[in-house]
Amino acid sequence: MDAEQAVTWLAAERAVALLGDSAQTTWIEWTQSEAYRETFQSKGRSEASPEPHLLVAAVAGTTAKTHRYSWSDLPSNTQLLDALDDAMADIEA
């Protein structure tokens, strides 16, 4: 997936999840794209420390809000599903 596709999905009120060591780097690259800047008001470039293993983005008004999750070790499937469930519950609220 590229930035333009991610922005299209976000603008259609879909959530986008990035998983892995490059989740934050990929998100920052997407927020620096022309497609993102033309669609959303926020710069979306904040960084978390430690870098998240999972980043979930969804539209909140005219901006994209992110939910970031990190674990000290590789997360289990249960931890990933719990984090996704938590992010989706927050997005729906």
N, C-alpha and C. Protein backbone atom coordinates (compact mmCIF):
# COMPACT_ATOMS: atom_id res chain seq x y z
N MET A 1 0.85 -1.16 0.00
CA MET A 1 0.00 0.00 0.00
C MET A 1 0.90 1.24 0.00
N ASP A 2 0.46 2.27 -0.67
CA ASP A 2 1.21 3.52 -0.68
C ASP A 2 0.41 4.61 0.02
N ALA A 3 1.00 5.79 0.12
CA ALA A 3 0.36 6.90 0.83
C ALA A 3 -0.98 7.28 0.22
N GLU A 4 -1.06 7.31 -1.08
CA GLU A 4 -2.30 7.71 -1.74
C GLU A 4 -3.44 6.74 -1.40
N GLN A 5 -3.16 5.44 -1.41
CA GLN A 5 -4.19 4.46 -1.06
C GLN A 5 -4.60 4.61 0.40
N ALA A 6 -3.62 4.80 1.29
CA ALA A 6 -3.92 4.97 2.71
C ALA A 6 -4.81 6.19 2.93
N VAL A 7 -4.50 7.29 2.28
CA VAL A 7 -5.29 8.51 2.42
C VAL A 7 -6.71 8.29 1.89
N THR A 8 -6.83 7.59 0.77
CA THR A 8 -8.15 7.28 0.22
C THR A 8 -8.98 6.49 1.22
N TRP A 9 -8.37 5.49 1.84
CA TRP A 9 -9.09 4.68 2.83
C TRP A 9 -9.44 5.51 4.06
N LEU A 10 -8.51 6.31 4.54
CA LEU A 10 -8.79 7.15 5.71
C LEU A 10 -9.91 8.14 5.41
N ALA A 11 -9.87 8.75 4.24
CA ALA A 11 -10.91 9.72 3.86
C ALA A 11 -12.27 9.05 3.73
N ALA A 12 -12.29 7.76 3.45
CA ALA A 12 -13.54 6.99 3.36
C ALA A 12 -13.95 6.45 4.74
N GLU A 13 -13.33 6.98 5.78
CA GLU A 13 -13.60 6.63 7.17
C GLU A 13 -13.28 5.17 7.48
N ARG A 14 -12.23 4.66 6.88
CA ARG A 14 -11.70 3.36 7.22
C ARG A 14 -10.49 3.56 8.11
N ALA A 15 -10.21 2.59 8.95
CA ALA A 15 -8.99 2.64 9.76
C ALA A 15 -7.87 1.93 8.99
N VAL A 16 -6.66 2.36 9.25
CA VAL A 16 -5.48 1.76 8.63
C VAL A 16 -4.53 1.36 9.76
N ALA A 17 -4.05 0.12 9.72
CA ALA A 17 -3.11 -0.35 10.75
C ALA A 17 -1.78 -0.71 10.11
N LEU A 18 -0.72 -0.28 10.77
CA LEU A 18 0.64 -0.61 10.35
C LEU A 18 1.27 -1.44 11.45
N LEU A 19 1.87 -2.55 11.10
CA LEU A 19 2.45 -3.46 12.06
C LEU A 19 3.90 -3.73 11.69
N GLY A 20 4.78 -3.63 12.68
CA GLY A 20 6.18 -3.96 12.46
C GLY A 20 7.11 -2.83 12.86
N ASP A 21 8.39 -3.09 12.73
CA ASP A 21 9.40 -2.13 13.15
C ASP A 21 9.36 -0.82 12.37
N SER A 22 8.81 -0.82 11.17
CA SER A 22 8.79 0.40 10.37
C SER A 22 7.42 1.08 10.38
N ALA A 23 6.55 0.72 11.32
CA ALA A 23 5.20 1.30 11.35
C ALA A 23 5.25 2.82 11.45
N GLN A 24 6.03 3.34 12.39
CA GLN A 24 6.10 4.79 12.58
C GLN A 24 6.76 5.47 11.39
N THR A 25 7.82 4.90 10.88
CA THR A 25 8.53 5.47 9.73
C THR A 25 7.60 5.54 8.52
N THR A 26 6.86 4.48 8.29
CA THR A 26 5.91 4.46 7.16
C THR A 26 4.84 5.52 7.35
N TRP A 27 4.30 5.64 8.57
CA TRP A 27 3.27 6.65 8.83
C TRP A 27 3.82 8.05 8.56
N ILE A 28 5.00 8.34 9.02
CA ILE A 28 5.60 9.67 8.81
C ILE A 28 5.77 9.94 7.31
N GLU A 29 6.22 8.94 6.57
CA GLU A 29 6.36 9.11 5.11
C GLU A 29 5.01 9.41 4.47
N TRP A 30 3.96 8.69 4.92
CA TRP A 30 2.64 8.94 4.36
C TRP A 30 2.15 10.34 4.68
N THR A 31 2.40 10.82 5.91
CA THR A 31 1.91 12.15 6.28
C THR A 31 2.66 13.27 5.57
N GLN A 32 3.79 12.96 5.02
CA GLN A 32 4.55 13.94 4.26
C GLN A 32 4.18 13.94 2.77
N SER A 33 3.28 13.05 2.39
CA SER A 33 2.88 12.95 0.99
C SER A 33 1.94 14.09 0.60
N GLU A 34 1.90 14.38 -0.67
CA GLU A 34 1.01 15.41 -1.19
C GLU A 34 -0.45 15.02 -0.95
N ALA A 35 -0.77 13.75 -1.13
CA ALA A 35 -2.14 13.28 -0.93
C ALA A 35 -2.61 13.56 0.49
N TYR A 36 -1.75 13.30 1.47
CA TYR A 36 -2.12 13.53 2.87
C TYR A 36 -2.29 15.03 3.13
N ARG A 37 -1.34 15.83 2.70
CA ARG A 37 -1.41 17.28 2.95
C ARG A 37 -2.63 17.91 2.30
N GLU A 38 -3.07 17.38 1.16
CA GLU A 38 -4.25 17.93 0.49
C GLU A 38 -5.56 17.50 1.16
N THR A 39 -5.52 16.42 1.91
CA THR A 39 -6.74 15.85 2.48
C THR A 39 -6.96 16.22 3.94
N PHE A 40 -5.89 16.28 4.73
CA PHE A 40 -6.01 16.49 6.16
C PHE A 40 -5.31 17.77 6.59
N GLN A 41 -5.85 18.39 7.66
CA GLN A 41 -5.27 19.64 8.15
C GLN A 41 -4.05 19.41 9.02
N SER A 42 -4.02 18.30 9.74
CA SER A 42 -2.89 18.07 10.65
C SER A 42 -1.65 17.63 9.88
N LYS A 43 -0.53 17.89 10.47
CA LYS A 43 0.71 17.45 9.85
C LYS A 43 0.97 15.98 10.13
N GLY A 44 0.43 15.45 11.22
CA GLY A 44 0.50 14.03 11.51
C GLY A 44 1.90 13.47 11.67
N ARG A 45 2.85 14.29 12.05
CA ARG A 45 4.24 13.86 12.06
C ARG A 45 4.79 13.56 13.44
N SER A 46 3.97 13.47 14.44
CA SER A 46 4.49 13.22 15.78
C SER A 46 5.12 11.84 15.85
N GLU A 47 6.15 11.75 16.65
CA GLU A 47 6.84 10.48 16.81
C GLU A 47 6.72 10.02 18.26
N ALA A 48 6.67 8.73 18.45
CA ALA A 48 6.58 8.16 19.78
C ALA A 48 7.91 7.47 20.11
N SER A 49 8.22 7.46 21.38
CA SER A 49 9.42 6.76 21.83
C SER A 49 9.03 5.89 23.01
N PRO A 50 9.20 4.61 22.95
CA PRO A 50 9.81 3.87 21.84
C PRO A 50 8.88 3.83 20.64
N GLU A 51 9.45 3.55 19.49
CA GLU A 51 8.64 3.47 18.28
C GLU A 51 7.61 2.36 18.43
N PRO A 52 6.39 2.63 17.97
CA PRO A 52 5.34 1.61 18.12
C PRO A 52 5.56 0.41 17.22
N HIS A 53 5.12 -0.74 17.71
CA HIS A 53 5.09 -1.95 16.89
C HIS A 53 3.81 -1.99 16.07
N LEU A 54 2.78 -1.30 16.59
CA LEU A 54 1.48 -1.24 15.94
C LEU A 54 1.01 0.20 15.96
N LEU A 55 0.60 0.69 14.82
CA LEU A 55 0.06 2.05 14.70
C LEU A 55 -1.26 1.93 13.95
N VAL A 56 -2.33 2.43 14.55
CA VAL A 56 -3.65 2.40 13.94
C VAL A 56 -4.08 3.85 13.72
N ALA A 57 -4.46 4.18 12.50
CA ALA A 57 -4.87 5.54 12.16
C ALA A 57 -6.32 5.53 11.70
N ALA A 58 -7.05 6.59 12.06
CA ALA A 58 -8.44 6.76 11.63
C ALA A 58 -8.75 8.25 11.61
N VAL A 59 -9.76 8.61 10.86
CA VAL A 59 -10.16 10.01 10.73
C VAL A 59 -10.90 10.47 11.97
N ALA A 60 -10.55 11.67 12.41
CA ALA A 60 -11.25 12.34 13.50
C ALA A 60 -11.48 13.78 13.04
N GLY A 61 -12.64 14.03 12.48
CA GLY A 61 -12.92 15.36 11.94
C GLY A 61 -12.13 15.59 10.65
N THR A 62 -11.28 16.61 10.67
CA THR A 62 -10.47 16.92 9.49
C THR A 62 -9.01 16.49 9.68
N THR A 63 -8.78 15.64 10.67
CA THR A 63 -7.43 15.15 10.92
C THR A 63 -7.45 13.62 11.01
N ALA A 64 -6.28 13.05 10.99
CA ALA A 64 -6.14 11.61 11.21
C ALA A 64 -5.54 11.43 12.60
N LYS A 65 -6.19 10.64 13.41
CA LYS A 65 -5.73 10.37 14.77
C LYS A 65 -5.05 9.01 14.78
N THR A 66 -3.96 8.91 15.55
CA THR A 66 -3.26 7.64 15.62
C THR A 66 -3.32 7.05 17.02
N HIS A 67 -3.29 5.74 17.05
CA HIS A 67 -3.21 4.96 18.29
C HIS A 67 -1.94 4.13 18.13
N ARG A 68 -1.05 4.22 19.13
CA ARG A 68 0.26 3.58 19.01
C ARG A 68 0.46 2.60 20.16
N TYR A 69 0.99 1.43 19.82
CA TYR A 69 1.21 0.37 20.81
C TYR A 69 2.62 -0.19 20.67
N SER A 70 3.27 -0.35 21.82
CA SER A 70 4.62 -0.91 21.86
C SER A 70 4.68 -1.99 22.93
N TRP A 71 5.53 -2.95 22.72
CA TRP A 71 5.76 -4.02 23.67
C TRP A 71 7.27 -4.21 23.84
N SER A 72 7.68 -4.67 25.01
CA SER A 72 9.11 -4.86 25.25
C SER A 72 9.66 -6.03 24.44
N ASP A 73 8.83 -7.04 24.20
CA ASP A 73 9.19 -8.18 23.36
C ASP A 73 8.21 -8.24 22.21
N LEU A 74 8.37 -9.22 21.36
CA LEU A 74 7.40 -9.40 20.29
C LEU A 74 6.03 -9.66 20.90
N PRO A 75 5.00 -8.97 20.44
CA PRO A 75 3.67 -9.17 21.03
C PRO A 75 3.08 -10.51 20.59
N SER A 76 2.27 -11.06 21.46
CA SER A 76 1.55 -12.28 21.11
C SER A 76 0.36 -11.92 20.22
N ASN A 77 -0.23 -12.91 19.60
CA ASN A 77 -1.43 -12.66 18.81
C ASN A 77 -2.53 -12.04 19.67
N THR A 78 -2.64 -12.49 20.90
CA THR A 78 -3.65 -11.97 21.81
C THR A 78 -3.40 -10.49 22.10
N GLN A 79 -2.14 -10.13 22.34
CA GLN A 79 -1.82 -8.72 22.59
C GLN A 79 -2.14 -7.86 21.38
N LEU A 80 -1.83 -8.34 20.18
CA LEU A 80 -2.15 -7.59 18.97
C LEU A 80 -3.65 -7.41 18.80
N LEU A 81 -4.39 -8.49 18.98
CA LEU A 81 -5.85 -8.40 18.84
C LEU A 81 -6.46 -7.50 19.90
N ASP A 82 -5.95 -7.56 21.13
CA ASP A 82 -6.43 -6.68 22.19
C ASP A 82 -6.15 -5.22 21.86
N ALA A 83 -4.96 -4.93 21.32
CA ALA A 83 -4.62 -3.55 20.95
C ALA A 83 -5.51 -3.06 19.81
N LEU A 84 -5.74 -3.90 18.80
CA LEU A 84 -6.62 -3.53 17.71
C LEU A 84 -8.05 -3.29 18.20
N ASP A 85 -8.50 -4.15 19.10
CA ASP A 85 -9.84 -4.00 19.67
C ASP A 85 -9.92 -2.68 20.45
N ASP A 86 -8.90 -2.37 21.23
CA ASP A 86 -8.86 -1.13 22.00
C ASP A 86 -8.91 0.08 21.07
N ALA A 87 -8.10 0.05 20.01
CA ALA A 87 -8.07 1.17 19.06
C ALA A 87 -9.42 1.34 18.38
N MET A 88 -10.03 0.24 17.95
CA MET A 88 -11.32 0.33 17.27
C MET A 88 -12.42 0.82 18.21
N ALA A 89 -12.38 0.40 19.46
CA ALA A 89 -13.37 0.89 20.43
C ALA A 89 -13.24 2.39 20.62
N ASP A 90 -11.99 2.88 20.69
CA ASP A 90 -11.76 4.31 20.86
C ASP A 90 -12.20 5.07 19.61
N ILE A 91 -11.95 4.52 18.45
CA ILE A 91 -12.33 5.17 17.19
C ILE A 91 -13.85 5.27 17.09
N GLU A 92 -14.56 4.22 17.47
CA GLU A 92 -16.02 4.22 17.40
C GLU A 92 -16.66 5.17 18.40
N ALA A 93 -15.95 5.44 19.50
CA ALA A 93 -16.51 6.30 20.57
C ALA A 93 -16.48 7.72 20.20
